[in-house]
Amino acid sequence: MELGLCKLIRTQSWGPITERRYSTASGLEVEMGIGPATWAKTDPVDPGTRRVVTGGARLLHDRTGILANLLAAC
């Protein structure tokens, strides 16, 4: 609720990542991927991971920098 996410639209498992897709009051959909840090490994980058990252991924919180490294590798 703090992020303005009004309604959970879907929860789906994508291997090591669980997708949670929400809608906002304006109709914008926000997708969050929740999973272990090993999903972001860069040696090599999994083709599915590359597709997700290059398709518009935006980091909200990356305390250790592992996701920034993944974005740079893609």
N, C-alpha and C. Protein backbone atom coordinates (compact mmCIF):
# COMPACT_ATOMS: atom_id res chain seq x y z
N MET A 1 0.81 -1.20 0.00
CA MET A 1 0.00 0.00 0.00
C MET A 1 0.86 1.27 0.00
N GLU A 2 2.03 1.21 0.66
CA GLU A 2 2.90 2.38 0.72
C GLU A 2 3.39 2.80 -0.66
N LEU A 3 3.46 1.86 -1.59
CA LEU A 3 3.92 2.17 -2.94
C LEU A 3 2.77 2.59 -3.85
N GLY A 4 1.56 2.63 -3.34
CA GLY A 4 0.40 2.99 -4.15
C GLY A 4 -0.11 1.84 -4.99
N LEU A 5 0.25 0.63 -4.61
CA LEU A 5 -0.19 -0.56 -5.34
C LEU A 5 -1.52 -0.99 -4.76
N CYS A 6 -2.55 -0.87 -5.56
CA CYS A 6 -3.91 -1.06 -5.05
C CYS A 6 -4.37 -2.50 -5.06
N LYS A 7 -4.11 -3.20 -6.15
CA LYS A 7 -4.71 -4.52 -6.30
C LYS A 7 -3.69 -5.51 -6.85
N LEU A 8 -3.59 -6.67 -6.22
CA LEU A 8 -2.76 -7.74 -6.74
C LEU A 8 -3.48 -8.36 -7.92
N ILE A 9 -2.85 -8.32 -9.08
CA ILE A 9 -3.45 -8.87 -10.30
C ILE A 9 -3.09 -10.33 -10.46
N ARG A 10 -1.81 -10.65 -10.19
CA ARG A 10 -1.39 -12.03 -10.40
C ARG A 10 -0.12 -12.32 -9.63
N THR A 11 0.02 -13.58 -9.26
CA THR A 11 1.24 -14.13 -8.70
C THR A 11 1.59 -15.34 -9.55
N GLN A 12 2.83 -15.38 -10.07
CA GLN A 12 3.22 -16.49 -10.92
C GLN A 12 4.68 -16.84 -10.69
N SER A 13 4.99 -18.12 -10.70
CA SER A 13 6.35 -18.58 -10.52
C SER A 13 7.04 -18.69 -11.87
N TRP A 14 8.24 -18.14 -11.95
CA TRP A 14 9.09 -18.21 -13.14
C TRP A 14 10.43 -18.80 -12.70
N GLY A 15 10.46 -20.07 -12.43
CA GLY A 15 11.69 -20.70 -11.94
C GLY A 15 12.03 -20.15 -10.57
N PRO A 16 13.21 -19.56 -10.43
CA PRO A 16 13.62 -19.06 -9.12
C PRO A 16 12.95 -17.74 -8.71
N ILE A 17 12.24 -17.12 -9.64
CA ILE A 17 11.62 -15.81 -9.37
C ILE A 17 10.11 -15.97 -9.25
N THR A 18 9.53 -15.29 -8.27
CA THR A 18 8.08 -15.21 -8.17
C THR A 18 7.65 -13.81 -8.59
N GLU A 19 6.81 -13.77 -9.59
CA GLU A 19 6.28 -12.49 -10.09
C GLU A 19 5.06 -12.10 -9.28
N ARG A 20 5.01 -10.85 -8.89
CA ARG A 20 3.82 -10.27 -8.27
C ARG A 20 3.49 -9.03 -9.09
N ARG A 21 2.33 -9.04 -9.70
CA ARG A 21 1.90 -7.93 -10.55
C ARG A 21 0.74 -7.21 -9.88
N TYR A 22 0.87 -5.90 -9.77
CA TYR A 22 -0.12 -5.07 -9.10
C TYR A 22 -0.61 -3.99 -10.05
N SER A 23 -1.79 -3.45 -9.75
CA SER A 23 -2.28 -2.28 -10.47
C SER A 23 -2.30 -1.10 -9.49
N THR A 24 -2.18 0.09 -10.05
CA THR A 24 -2.27 1.31 -9.25
C THR A 24 -3.64 1.95 -9.52
N ALA A 25 -3.97 2.97 -8.78
CA ALA A 25 -5.24 3.67 -8.96
C ALA A 25 -5.36 4.26 -10.36
N SER A 26 -4.24 4.63 -10.97
CA SER A 26 -4.26 5.22 -12.31
C SER A 26 -4.35 4.16 -13.42
N GLY A 27 -4.25 2.88 -13.04
CA GLY A 27 -4.30 1.81 -14.03
C GLY A 27 -2.93 1.28 -14.44
N LEU A 28 -1.87 1.93 -13.99
CA LEU A 28 -0.51 1.46 -14.28
C LEU A 28 -0.30 0.10 -13.63
N GLU A 29 0.34 -0.82 -14.34
CA GLU A 29 0.68 -2.11 -13.76
C GLU A 29 2.15 -2.12 -13.36
N VAL A 30 2.42 -2.65 -12.18
CA VAL A 30 3.78 -2.74 -11.65
C VAL A 30 4.06 -4.21 -11.38
N GLU A 31 5.15 -4.69 -11.93
CA GLU A 31 5.55 -6.09 -11.73
C GLU A 31 6.79 -6.12 -10.87
N MET A 32 6.76 -6.97 -9.85
CA MET A 32 7.93 -7.16 -8.99
C MET A 32 8.36 -8.61 -9.08
N GLY A 33 9.67 -8.81 -9.18
CA GLY A 33 10.23 -10.15 -9.14
C GLY A 33 10.90 -10.38 -7.81
N ILE A 34 10.52 -11.45 -7.12
CA ILE A 34 11.05 -11.74 -5.80
C ILE A 34 11.75 -13.09 -5.87
N GLY A 35 13.02 -13.11 -5.49
CA GLY A 35 13.76 -14.37 -5.55
C GLY A 35 15.15 -14.23 -4.97
N PRO A 36 15.92 -15.30 -5.02
CA PRO A 36 17.26 -15.29 -4.45
C PRO A 36 18.24 -14.49 -5.32
N ALA A 37 19.29 -14.01 -4.71
CA ALA A 37 20.31 -13.23 -5.42
C ALA A 37 20.98 -14.04 -6.53
N THR A 38 20.99 -15.36 -6.42
CA THR A 38 21.63 -16.20 -7.45
C THR A 38 20.94 -16.06 -8.80
N TRP A 39 19.71 -15.58 -8.83
CA TRP A 39 19.01 -15.35 -10.09
C TRP A 39 19.76 -14.32 -10.94
N ALA A 40 20.47 -13.43 -10.31
CA ALA A 40 21.13 -12.33 -11.00
C ALA A 40 22.57 -12.65 -11.41
N LYS A 41 22.93 -13.93 -11.41
CA LYS A 41 24.32 -14.26 -11.78
C LYS A 41 24.60 -13.82 -13.22
N THR A 42 25.84 -13.44 -13.46
CA THR A 42 26.21 -12.88 -14.76
C THR A 42 27.18 -13.75 -15.54
N ASP A 43 27.49 -14.92 -15.06
CA ASP A 43 28.48 -15.76 -15.74
C ASP A 43 27.95 -17.18 -15.94
N PRO A 44 27.19 -17.40 -16.96
CA PRO A 44 26.63 -16.46 -17.96
C PRO A 44 25.26 -15.97 -17.52
N VAL A 45 24.76 -14.97 -18.25
CA VAL A 45 23.40 -14.49 -18.01
C VAL A 45 22.44 -15.44 -18.73
N ASP A 46 21.47 -15.96 -18.01
CA ASP A 46 20.45 -16.83 -18.58
C ASP A 46 19.66 -16.06 -19.64
N PRO A 47 19.34 -16.68 -20.79
CA PRO A 47 18.59 -15.97 -21.84
C PRO A 47 17.26 -15.38 -21.35
N GLY A 48 16.53 -16.09 -20.51
CA GLY A 48 15.27 -15.56 -19.98
C GLY A 48 15.50 -14.36 -19.09
N THR A 49 16.55 -14.41 -18.30
CA THR A 49 16.90 -13.28 -17.43
C THR A 49 17.28 -12.08 -18.28
N ARG A 50 18.06 -12.30 -19.32
CA ARG A 50 18.45 -11.19 -20.22
C ARG A 50 17.22 -10.53 -20.83
N ARG A 51 16.26 -11.35 -21.26
CA ARG A 51 15.03 -10.83 -21.88
C ARG A 51 14.26 -9.94 -20.88
N VAL A 52 14.17 -10.38 -19.64
CA VAL A 52 13.46 -9.60 -18.62
C VAL A 52 14.21 -8.29 -18.34
N VAL A 53 15.50 -8.38 -18.16
CA VAL A 53 16.30 -7.21 -17.80
C VAL A 53 16.31 -6.17 -18.92
N THR A 54 16.44 -6.61 -20.16
CA THR A 54 16.48 -5.66 -21.28
C THR A 54 15.09 -5.19 -21.70
N GLY A 55 14.05 -5.81 -21.13
CA GLY A 55 12.68 -5.43 -21.46
C GLY A 55 12.12 -4.31 -20.60
N GLY A 56 12.95 -3.68 -19.81
CA GLY A 56 12.48 -2.54 -19.05
C GLY A 56 12.59 -2.67 -17.54
N ALA A 57 13.48 -3.51 -17.06
CA ALA A 57 13.66 -3.67 -15.61
C ALA A 57 14.13 -2.35 -14.99
N ARG A 58 13.58 -2.03 -13.84
CA ARG A 58 14.00 -0.85 -13.07
C ARG A 58 14.26 -1.29 -11.65
N LEU A 59 15.37 -0.89 -11.11
CA LEU A 59 15.74 -1.28 -9.75
C LEU A 59 15.10 -0.35 -8.74
N LEU A 60 14.47 -0.95 -7.73
CA LEU A 60 13.92 -0.16 -6.64
C LEU A 60 14.82 -0.18 -5.43
N HIS A 61 15.48 -1.31 -5.22
CA HIS A 61 16.37 -1.44 -4.06
C HIS A 61 17.44 -2.46 -4.42
N ASP A 62 18.70 -2.06 -4.31
CA ASP A 62 19.82 -2.94 -4.67
C ASP A 62 20.98 -2.66 -3.72
N ARG A 63 20.78 -3.05 -2.49
CA ARG A 63 21.74 -2.74 -1.42
C ARG A 63 23.15 -3.21 -1.74
N THR A 64 23.30 -4.39 -2.35
CA THR A 64 24.64 -4.95 -2.59
C THR A 64 25.20 -4.65 -3.98
N GLY A 65 24.38 -4.13 -4.89
CA GLY A 65 24.85 -3.82 -6.23
C GLY A 65 24.78 -4.99 -7.21
N ILE A 66 24.29 -6.15 -6.77
CA ILE A 66 24.27 -7.32 -7.63
C ILE A 66 23.35 -7.12 -8.85
N LEU A 67 22.24 -6.43 -8.66
CA LEU A 67 21.33 -6.19 -9.78
C LEU A 67 21.88 -5.15 -10.75
N ALA A 68 22.59 -4.17 -10.23
CA ALA A 68 23.26 -3.19 -11.10
C ALA A 68 24.29 -3.90 -11.97
N ASN A 69 25.00 -4.87 -11.40
CA ASN A 69 25.96 -5.66 -12.18
C ASN A 69 25.25 -6.44 -13.29
N LEU A 70 24.10 -7.00 -12.97
CA LEU A 70 23.32 -7.73 -13.97
C LEU A 70 22.87 -6.81 -15.09
N LEU A 71 22.36 -5.65 -14.76
CA LEU A 71 21.95 -4.69 -15.79
C LEU A 71 23.12 -4.30 -16.69
N ALA A 72 24.28 -4.09 -16.09
CA ALA A 72 25.46 -3.72 -16.87
C ALA A 72 25.90 -4.87 -17.79
N ALA A 73 25.70 -6.10 -17.36
CA ALA A 73 26.12 -7.26 -18.16
C ALA A 73 25.19 -7.51 -19.34
N CYS A 74 24.00 -6.95 -19.27
CA CYS A 74 23.03 -7.17 -20.34
C CYS A 74 23.06 -6.04 -21.35
